[in-house]
Protein backbone atom coordinates (compact mmCIF):
# COMPACT_ATOMS: atom_id res chain seq x y z
CA MET A 1 -17.30 63.55 32.65
CA ILE A 2 -19.98 66.14 32.24
CA ASN A 3 -21.35 64.16 29.29
CA LEU A 4 -21.52 61.11 31.53
CA SER A 5 -23.35 62.77 34.40
CA ILE A 6 -25.92 64.49 31.84
CA LEU A 7 -26.42 60.98 30.44
CA ILE A 8 -27.21 59.39 33.87
CA SER A 9 -29.37 62.22 34.71
CA SER A 10 -31.38 61.89 31.64
CA SER A 11 -31.83 58.14 32.00
CA GLU A 12 -33.87 58.33 35.03
CA VAL A 13 -37.46 57.37 34.53
CA SER A 14 -39.59 60.39 34.31
CA GLY A 15 -42.84 58.96 33.26
CA PRO A 16 -45.05 55.67 32.79
CA GLY A 17 -43.67 52.70 30.94
CA GLY A 18 -39.87 52.56 32.29
CA LEU A 19 -37.74 50.21 30.35
CA PHE A 20 -40.36 48.95 28.04
CA ASP A 21 -42.06 52.00 26.85
CA ILE A 22 -43.85 51.02 23.48
CA ASN A 23 -44.08 54.26 21.38
CA ALA A 24 -42.93 55.01 17.70
CA THR A 25 -39.39 53.92 18.23
CA LEU A 26 -40.11 50.13 18.33
CA PRO A 27 -41.70 50.12 14.53
CA LEU A 28 -38.66 52.04 13.59
CA VAL A 29 -36.10 49.74 15.13
CA ALA A 30 -38.00 46.75 13.55
CA ILE A 31 -37.97 48.57 9.92
CA GLN A 32 -34.20 49.35 10.63
CA PHE A 33 -33.43 45.78 11.38
CA VAL A 34 -35.31 44.44 8.29
CA LEU A 35 -33.53 46.89 6.13
CA LEU A 36 -30.12 46.06 7.69
CA THR A 37 -30.92 42.18 6.86
CA VAL A 38 -32.01 42.97 3.23
CA VAL A 39 -28.89 45.11 2.83
CA LEU A 40 -26.53 42.60 4.41
CA ASN A 41 -28.16 39.81 2.07
CA ILE A 42 -27.34 41.70 -0.89
CA ILE A 43 -24.25 43.24 0.05
CA LEU A 44 -22.32 40.52 1.98
CA TYR A 45 -24.08 37.10 2.52
CA ASN A 46 -24.99 36.59 -1.39
CA PRO A 47 -21.43 37.33 -2.63
CA LEU A 48 -20.14 35.23 0.40
CA LEU A 49 -22.55 32.15 -0.35
CA THR A 50 -21.55 32.35 -4.02
CA ILE A 51 -17.96 32.27 -3.32
CA ILE A 52 -18.37 29.41 -0.92
CA GLU A 53 -20.43 27.45 -3.61
CA GLU A 54 -17.98 28.08 -6.31
CA ARG A 55 -15.16 27.01 -3.81
CA LYS A 56 -17.23 23.81 -3.03
CA GLU A 57 -17.60 23.10 -6.85
CA TYR A 58 -13.93 23.77 -7.20
CA ILE A 59 -13.13 21.11 -4.63
CA LEU A 60 -15.66 18.65 -5.83
CA THR A 61 -14.36 19.10 -9.22
CA ASN A 62 -10.60 18.72 -7.95
CA LEU A 63 -11.25 15.45 -5.79
CA SER A 64 -13.28 13.88 -8.85
CA LYS A 65 -9.91 14.57 -11.09
CA ALA A 66 -7.89 13.06 -8.14
CA SER A 67 -9.84 10.17 -7.97
CA GLU A 68 -9.92 9.61 -11.51
CA ILE A 69 -6.17 10.20 -11.77
CA LEU A 70 -5.82 7.71 -8.72
CA ALA A 71 -7.71 5.21 -10.48
CA GLU A 72 -5.85 5.37 -13.64
CA ALA A 73 -2.59 5.36 -11.33
CA ASN A 74 -3.63 2.09 -9.88
CA LYS A 75 -4.90 0.62 -13.06
CA LEU A 76 -1.31 1.42 -14.38
CA THR A 77 0.35 0.01 -11.50
CA GLU A 78 -1.51 -3.07 -11.85
CA GLN A 79 -0.75 -3.48 -15.34
CA TYR A 80 2.70 -2.94 -14.94
CA GLU A 81 3.08 -5.44 -12.07
CA GLN A 82 1.46 -8.10 -14.47
CA GLU A 83 3.98 -7.12 -16.84
CA LEU A 84 6.68 -7.46 -14.41
CA THR A 85 5.69 -10.78 -13.19
CA SER A 86 5.57 -11.99 -16.88
CA VAL A 87 8.74 -10.52 -17.86
CA ARG A 88 10.22 -12.24 -14.59
CA LYS A 89 8.72 -15.51 -15.57
CA GLU A 90 10.12 -15.46 -19.06
CA ALA A 91 13.51 -14.30 -17.73
CA GLN A 92 13.49 -17.08 -15.45
CA LEU A 93 12.49 -19.47 -18.25
CA GLU A 94 15.15 -18.09 -20.28
CA ILE A 95 17.84 -18.53 -17.58
CA THR A 96 16.73 -22.34 -16.95
CA ASN A 97 17.02 -22.69 -20.80
CA SER A 98 20.29 -21.12 -20.72
CA GLN A 99 21.55 -23.32 -17.87
CA ARG A 100 20.20 -26.51 -19.33
CA ILE A 101 21.80 -25.68 -22.86
CA HIS A 102 25.12 -24.87 -20.97
CA LYS A 103 24.90 -28.13 -18.80
CA GLU A 104 24.31 -30.14 -22.30
CA ILE A 105 27.26 -28.51 -23.93
CA LEU A 106 29.50 -28.89 -20.91
CA GLU A 107 28.40 -32.54 -21.09
CA THR A 108 29.09 -33.03 -24.55
CA GLU A 109 32.51 -31.41 -24.30
CA LEU A 110 33.31 -33.53 -21.28
CA LYS A 111 32.33 -36.68 -23.26
CA VAL A 112 34.82 -35.44 -25.97
CA SER A 113 37.47 -34.90 -23.54
CA GLN A 114 36.88 -38.21 -21.95
CA LYS A 115 37.03 -39.90 -25.06
CA TYR A 116 40.21 -37.97 -26.00
CA ILE A 117 41.98 -38.89 -22.75
CA ASP A 118 41.00 -42.60 -23.07
CA ASN A 119 42.28 -42.49 -26.66
CA LEU A 120 45.40 -40.85 -25.45
CA LEU A 121 45.64 -43.36 -22.56
CA ASP A 122 45.41 -46.46 -24.67
CA THR A 123 47.84 -45.03 -27.32
CA ILE A 124 50.20 -44.42 -24.55
CA THR A 125 49.60 -47.84 -22.91
CA LYS A 126 49.91 -49.38 -26.22
CA ASP A 127 53.34 -47.51 -26.76
CA LEU A 128 54.66 -48.49 -23.34
CA LEU A 129 53.53 -52.09 -23.91
CA ASN A 130 55.54 -52.19 -27.27
CA LYS A 131 58.50 -50.38 -25.59
CA LYS A 132 58.17 -53.12 -22.78
CA ASP A 133 58.17 -55.83 -25.34
CA ILE A 134 61.05 -54.33 -27.22
CA ALA A 135 62.77 -53.74 -24.01
CA LEU A 136 62.10 -57.37 -23.00
CA ASN A 137 63.17 -58.90 -26.12
CA SER A 138 66.44 -56.85 -26.14
CA LEU A 139 66.97 -57.71 -22.59
CA ASP A 140 66.32 -61.36 -23.55
CA GLU A 141 68.83 -61.09 -26.33
CA ILE A 142 71.33 -59.40 -24.22
CA VAL A 143 70.73 -61.99 -21.40
CA GLN A 144 71.23 -64.61 -24.24
CA SER A 145 74.42 -63.25 -25.28
CA LEU A 146 75.85 -62.74 -21.91
CA CYS A 147 74.83 -66.44 -21.06
CA VAL A 148 76.80 -67.49 -24.32
CA ASP A 149 79.38 -65.26 -23.33
CA ILE A 150 79.58 -66.70 -19.83
CA GLU A 151 79.52 -70.36 -21.21
CA THR A 152 82.54 -69.45 -23.42
CA ARG A 153 84.46 -68.03 -20.76
CA LEU A 154 83.73 -70.98 -18.30
CA SER A 155 84.57 -73.38 -20.93
CA ILE A 156 88.00 -71.81 -21.54
């Protein structure tokens, strides 16, 4: 508290000039300011600026690498998509060829089966006609013998 009262009592204007009293302290303050600026440039700002510049170069390098990798990835993606479409087309052609071949095989087997069935039906039909003829002939003979038998019995 005493120091504060001394400071207030000593800050009273005692002579001419008042607040802007230009004396030997003004050039001294200017020299201190210039020296502080130079020291701060040497000690703080230059290393800070070099670190910032290195960081900027690092970021630009990484960005260029990333863009190269992205371009390569896009190129590979396009290449793989083209390969995929060509493989899909080949697979589709293979499927249609396979279906066509299986259809032809099925038609051929169907024709063979149809011929076999037709031959079997012809054989069965001929066999049945032969049996019918045999049965009719035997029936005709039986009828003839019955007729003869009936005639003989009637004539008795």
